[in-house]
Amino acid sequence: ASSGERGEGQSDDYGGENARELLVIVLDVTPWAWGEREMRRAVQDEQRRKAGKRSMGPANLEEAIAATLALGTAVGCLDRQNCLSVVGVSGSETAVLYPRKSSLGHAVHDAPEWSGSKIDARALDEGIRLGVAELAARSTARTQPTSSSPSKQ
């Protein structure tokens, strides 16, 4: 067969049997933004509680992380071929939270038959939580005045 001809089972379309879906989630973990949301939510929750209603305020960071974990795990459950990447942003810092560098080869190259799924729920949880903590620490360190900077009197 010439290079332009397709063998049996080969296709030009990307929706075939071996197609992979990729979901990329971008999560803003900027500490001051989540702190502001938490304060707003506390006020709104108190007002709603007095009115006999449930909490409806903006999510806090822990709830956003839990929702991201649930969505990522669900994507993996839909099809073992599905892939996921979670990118964290905090101020001017950006990092890939999942998959972490140490597991990147597994996420990209291992066949699902070997690993059970392309999305490892434990690694997803660990990667997101560790990555969020690292990003928040770096972002906070950038905004903290250094001891060598002159203080205003």
C-alpha atoms as a PDB file:
ATOM      1  CA  ALA A   1       0.000   0.000   0.000  1.00  0.00           C
ATOM      2  CA  SER A   2       1.240   3.467  -0.789  1.00  0.00           C
ATOM      3  CA  SER A   3       1.695   6.048   1.951  1.00  0.00           C
ATOM      4  CA  GLY A   4      -1.570   7.720   0.947  1.00  0.00           C
ATOM      5  CA  GLU A   5      -3.666   4.567   1.293  1.00  0.00           C
ATOM      6  CA  ARG A   6      -5.184   3.437   4.571  1.00  0.00           C
ATOM      7  CA  GLY A   7      -5.136  -0.120   5.809  1.00  0.00           C
ATOM      8  CA  GLU A   8      -8.125  -1.864   7.319  1.00  0.00           C
ATOM      9  CA  GLY A   9      -9.286  -0.212  10.545  1.00  0.00           C
ATOM     10  CA  GLN A  10      -7.347   2.993   9.907  1.00  0.00           C
ATOM     11  CA  SER A  11      -9.197   6.237   9.573  1.00  0.00           C
ATOM     12  CA  ASP A  12      -8.481   9.905   8.975  1.00  0.00           C
ATOM     13  CA  ASP A  13     -11.120  11.025  11.456  1.00  0.00           C
ATOM     14  CA  TYR A  14     -10.289  11.585  15.102  1.00  0.00           C
ATOM     15  CA  GLY A  15     -13.596  10.275  16.418  1.00  0.00           C
ATOM     16  CA  GLY A  16     -12.749   6.631  15.883  1.00  0.00           C
ATOM     17  CA  GLU A  17     -12.424   3.806  18.333  1.00  0.00           C
ATOM     18  CA  ASN A  18      -8.991   4.919  19.559  1.00  0.00           C
ATOM     19  CA  ALA A  19      -9.906   8.578  20.011  1.00  0.00           C
ATOM     20  CA  ARG A  20      -8.857  10.227  23.248  1.00  0.00           C
ATOM     21  CA  GLU A  21     -10.613  13.109  24.907  1.00  0.00           C
ATOM     22  CA  LEU A  22      -8.594  15.735  26.771  1.00  0.00           C
ATOM     23  CA  LEU A  23     -10.098  17.989  29.401  1.00  0.00           C
ATOM     24  CA  VAL A  24      -8.017  20.928  30.602  1.00  0.00           C
ATOM     25  CA  ILE A  25      -9.187  22.652  33.773  1.00  0.00           C
ATOM     26  CA  VAL A  26      -7.708  26.016  34.723  1.00  0.00           C
ATOM     27  CA  LEU A  27      -8.098  26.727  38.429  1.00  0.00           C
ATOM     28  CA  ASP A  28      -7.456  30.214  39.839  1.00  0.00           C
ATOM     29  CA  VAL A  29      -5.975  29.706  43.307  1.00  0.00           C
ATOM     30  CA  THR A  30      -4.979  33.313  44.025  1.00  0.00           C
ATOM     31  CA  PRO A  31      -5.077  33.562  47.845  1.00  0.00           C
ATOM     32  CA  TRP A  32      -6.415  37.117  48.096  1.00  0.00           C
ATOM     33  CA  ALA A  33      -9.260  36.387  45.666  1.00  0.00           C
ATOM     34  CA  TRP A  34     -10.374  33.337  47.652  1.00  0.00           C
ATOM     35  CA  GLY A  35     -10.002  35.263  50.925  1.00  0.00           C
ATOM     36  CA  GLU A  36     -12.257  37.993  49.574  1.00  0.00           C
ATOM     37  CA  ARG A  37     -14.806  35.408  48.408  1.00  0.00           C
ATOM     38  CA  GLU A  38     -14.717  33.741  51.816  1.00  0.00           C
ATOM     39  CA  MET A  39     -15.487  37.045  53.559  1.00  0.00           C
ATOM     40  CA  ARG A  40     -18.353  37.789  51.146  1.00  0.00           C
ATOM     41  CA  ARG A  41     -19.708  34.302  51.577  1.00  0.00           C
ATOM     42  CA  ALA A  42     -19.670  34.561  55.379  1.00  0.00           C
ATOM     43  CA  VAL A  43     -21.773  37.745  55.230  1.00  0.00           C
ATOM     44  CA  GLN A  44     -24.187  36.293  52.671  1.00  0.00           C
ATOM     45  CA  ASP A  45     -24.503  33.030  54.588  1.00  0.00           C
ATOM     46  CA  GLU A  46     -25.372  34.905  57.772  1.00  0.00           C
ATOM     47  CA  GLN A  47     -28.053  36.905  55.941  1.00  0.00           C
ATOM     48  CA  ARG A  48     -29.461  33.753  54.358  1.00  0.00           C
ATOM     49  CA  ARG A  49     -29.390  31.894  57.685  1.00  0.00           C
ATOM     50  CA  LYS A  50     -31.454  34.663  59.297  1.00  0.00           C
ATOM     51  CA  ALA A  51     -33.943  34.356  56.435  1.00  0.00           C
ATOM     52  CA  GLY A  52     -34.109  30.576  56.945  1.00  0.00           C
ATOM     53  CA  LYS A  53     -32.300  29.779  53.688  1.00  0.00           C
ATOM     54  CA  ARG A  54     -29.313  27.595  52.859  1.00  0.00           C
ATOM     55  CA  SER A  55     -25.862  28.846  51.899  1.00  0.00           C
ATOM     56  CA  MET A  56     -25.620  30.018  48.298  1.00  0.00           C
ATOM     57  CA  GLY A  57     -22.489  32.168  48.445  1.00  0.00           C
ATOM     58  CA  PRO A  58     -19.488  31.798  46.180  1.00  0.00           C
ATOM     59  CA  ALA A  59     -17.529  28.597  46.701  1.00  0.00           C
ATOM     60  CA  ASN A  60     -14.480  28.596  48.923  1.00  0.00           C
ATOM     61  CA  LEU A  61     -11.205  27.178  47.640  1.00  0.00           C
ATOM     62  CA  GLU A  62     -11.688  23.814  49.354  1.00  0.00           C
ATOM     63  CA  GLU A  63     -15.081  23.390  47.655  1.00  0.00           C
ATOM     64  CA  ALA A  64     -13.582  24.366  44.289  1.00  0.00           C
ATOM     65  CA  ILE A  65     -10.830  21.775  44.765  1.00  0.00           C
ATOM     66  CA  ALA A  66     -13.393  19.116  45.717  1.00  0.00           C
ATOM     67  CA  ALA A  67     -15.483  19.942  42.629  1.00  0.00           C
ATOM     68  CA  THR A  68     -12.389  19.800  40.414  1.00  0.00           C
ATOM     69  CA  LEU A  69     -11.477  16.394  41.851  1.00  0.00           C
ATOM     70  CA  ALA A  70     -15.017  15.118  41.292  1.00  0.00           C
ATOM     71  CA  LEU A  71     -15.095  16.367  37.699  1.00  0.00           C
ATOM     72  CA  GLY A  72     -11.655  14.950  36.937  1.00  0.00           C
ATOM     73  CA  THR A  73     -12.553  11.560  38.375  1.00  0.00           C
ATOM     74  CA  ALA A  74     -15.852  11.530  36.473  1.00  0.00           C
ATOM     75  CA  VAL A  75     -14.038  12.245  33.204  1.00  0.00           C
ATOM     76  CA  GLY A  76     -11.811   9.235  33.874  1.00  0.00           C
ATOM     77  CA  CYS A  77     -14.833   7.059  34.622  1.00  0.00           C
ATOM     78  CA  LEU A  78     -16.570   7.951  31.364  1.00  0.00           C
ATOM     79  CA  ASP A  79     -13.844   6.354  29.271  1.00  0.00           C
ATOM     80  CA  ARG A  80     -10.478   4.891  30.230  1.00  0.00           C
ATOM     81  CA  GLN A  81      -8.884   6.676  27.274  1.00  0.00           C
ATOM     82  CA  ASN A  82      -9.864  10.144  28.556  1.00  0.00           C
ATOM     83  CA  CYS A  83      -7.023  12.381  29.669  1.00  0.00           C
ATOM     84  CA  LEU A  84      -7.005  15.298  32.083  1.00  0.00           C
ATOM     85  CA  SER A  85      -4.736  18.217  32.794  1.00  0.00           C
ATOM     86  CA  VAL A  86      -5.270  20.696  35.627  1.00  0.00           C
ATOM     87  CA  VAL A  87      -3.459  24.016  35.438  1.00  0.00           C
ATOM     88  CA  GLY A  88      -3.264  26.286  38.460  1.00  0.00           C
ATOM     89  CA  VAL A  89      -2.915  30.060  38.299  1.00  0.00           C
ATOM     90  CA  SER A  90      -2.091  32.329  41.210  1.00  0.00           C
ATOM     91  CA  GLY A  91      -1.285  35.942  40.454  1.00  0.00           C
ATOM     92  CA  SER A  92       1.532  35.802  37.914  1.00  0.00           C
ATOM     93  CA  GLU A  93       2.420  32.186  38.780  1.00  0.00           C
ATOM     94  CA  THR A  94       1.226  29.279  36.636  1.00  0.00           C
ATOM     95  CA  ALA A  95       1.846  25.558  37.102  1.00  0.00           C
ATOM     96  CA  VAL A  96       0.558  22.218  35.906  1.00  0.00           C
ATOM     97  CA  LEU A  97      -1.062  20.671  38.979  1.00  0.00           C
ATOM     98  CA  TYR A  98      -1.978  17.377  37.329  1.00  0.00           C
ATOM     99  CA  PRO A  99      -0.304  15.364  36.028  1.00  0.00           C
ATOM    100  CA  ARG A 100       2.795  16.148  38.069  1.00  0.00           C
ATOM    101  CA  LYS A 101       6.183  15.846  36.371  1.00  0.00           C
ATOM    102  CA  SER A 102       6.894  12.579  38.179  1.00  0.00           C
ATOM    103  CA  SER A 103       3.810  10.907  36.679  1.00  0.00           C
ATOM    104  CA  LEU A 104       3.725  12.619  33.294  1.00  0.00           C
ATOM    105  CA  GLY A 105       5.195   9.627  31.458  1.00  0.00           C
ATOM    106  CA  HIS A 106       2.534   7.362  32.950  1.00  0.00           C
ATOM    107  CA  ALA A 107      -0.277   9.740  32.042  1.00  0.00           C
ATOM    108  CA  VAL A 108       0.821  10.067  28.435  1.00  0.00           C
ATOM    109  CA  HIS A 109       2.401   6.757  27.461  1.00  0.00           C
ATOM    110  CA  ASP A 110       0.943   3.921  29.550  1.00  0.00           C
ATOM    111  CA  ALA A 111      -1.849   1.957  27.968  1.00  0.00           C
ATOM    112  CA  PRO A 112      -5.097   2.034  29.967  1.00  0.00           C
ATOM    113  CA  GLU A 113      -4.978  -1.762  30.187  1.00  0.00           C
ATOM    114  CA  TRP A 114      -1.854  -1.429  32.357  1.00  0.00           C
ATOM    115  CA  SER A 115      -3.012   1.342  34.628  1.00  0.00           C
ATOM    116  CA  GLY A 116      -6.784   0.853  34.661  1.00  0.00           C
ATOM    117  CA  SER A 117      -7.364   4.470  33.676  1.00  0.00           C
ATOM    118  CA  LYS A 118      -5.434   7.411  32.335  1.00  0.00           C
ATOM    119  CA  ILE A 119      -6.682   9.473  35.277  1.00  0.00           C
ATOM    120  CA  ASP A 120      -5.350   8.299  38.636  1.00  0.00           C
ATOM    121  CA  ALA A 121      -7.713   9.630  41.330  1.00  0.00           C
ATOM    122  CA  ARG A 122      -5.101   9.448  44.090  1.00  0.00           C
ATOM    123  CA  ALA A 123      -2.467  11.231  41.998  1.00  0.00           C
ATOM    124  CA  LEU A 124      -5.104  13.774  40.941  1.00  0.00           C
ATOM    125  CA  ASP A 125      -5.973  14.553  44.567  1.00  0.00           C
ATOM    126  CA  GLU A 126      -2.336  14.725  45.620  1.00  0.00           C
ATOM    127  CA  GLY A 127      -1.269  16.783  42.609  1.00  0.00           C
ATOM    128  CA  ILE A 128      -4.002  19.360  42.954  1.00  0.00           C
ATOM    129  CA  ARG A 129      -3.678  19.795  46.722  1.00  0.00           C
ATOM    130  CA  LEU A 130       0.120  19.919  46.656  1.00  0.00           C
ATOM    131  CA  GLY A 131       0.167  22.174  43.607  1.00  0.00           C
ATOM    132  CA  VAL A 132      -2.369  24.597  45.095  1.00  0.00           C
ATOM    133  CA  ALA A 133      -0.320  24.816  48.300  1.00  0.00           C
ATOM    134  CA  GLU A 134       2.895  25.449  46.345  1.00  0.00           C
ATOM    135  CA  LEU A 135       1.288  28.075  44.112  1.00  0.00           C
ATOM    136  CA  ALA A 136      -0.365  29.857  47.028  1.00  0.00           C
ATOM    137  CA  ALA A 137       2.933  29.903  48.942  1.00  0.00           C
ATOM    138  CA  ARG A 138       4.832  31.313  45.951  1.00  0.00           C
ATOM    139  CA  SER A 139       2.153  33.898  45.271  1.00  0.00           C
ATOM    140  CA  THR A 140       2.018  34.951  48.915  1.00  0.00           C
ATOM    141  CA  ALA A 141       5.818  35.145  49.129  1.00  0.00           C
ATOM    142  CA  ARG A 142       5.849  37.523  46.155  1.00  0.00           C
ATOM    143  CA  THR A 143       3.435  39.894  47.883  1.00  0.00           C
ATOM    144  CA  GLN A 144       5.163  39.810  51.288  1.00  0.00           C
ATOM    145  CA  PRO A 145       7.644  42.624  51.931  1.00  0.00           C
ATOM    146  CA  THR A 146      11.180  41.325  52.296  1.00  0.00           C
ATOM    147  CA  SER A 147      13.188  42.016  55.444  1.00  0.00           C
ATOM    148  CA  SER A 148      15.824  43.826  53.377  1.00  0.00           C
ATOM    149  CA  SER A 149      13.334  46.352  52.025  1.00  0.00           C
ATOM    150  CA  PRO A 150      13.200  49.617  53.945  1.00  0.00           C
ATOM    151  CA  SER A 151      10.107  50.050  56.075  1.00  0.00           C
ATOM    152  CA  LYS A 152       8.077  53.231  55.961  1.00  0.00           C
ATOM    153  CA  GLN A 153       7.945  55.178  59.193  1.00  0.00           C
END
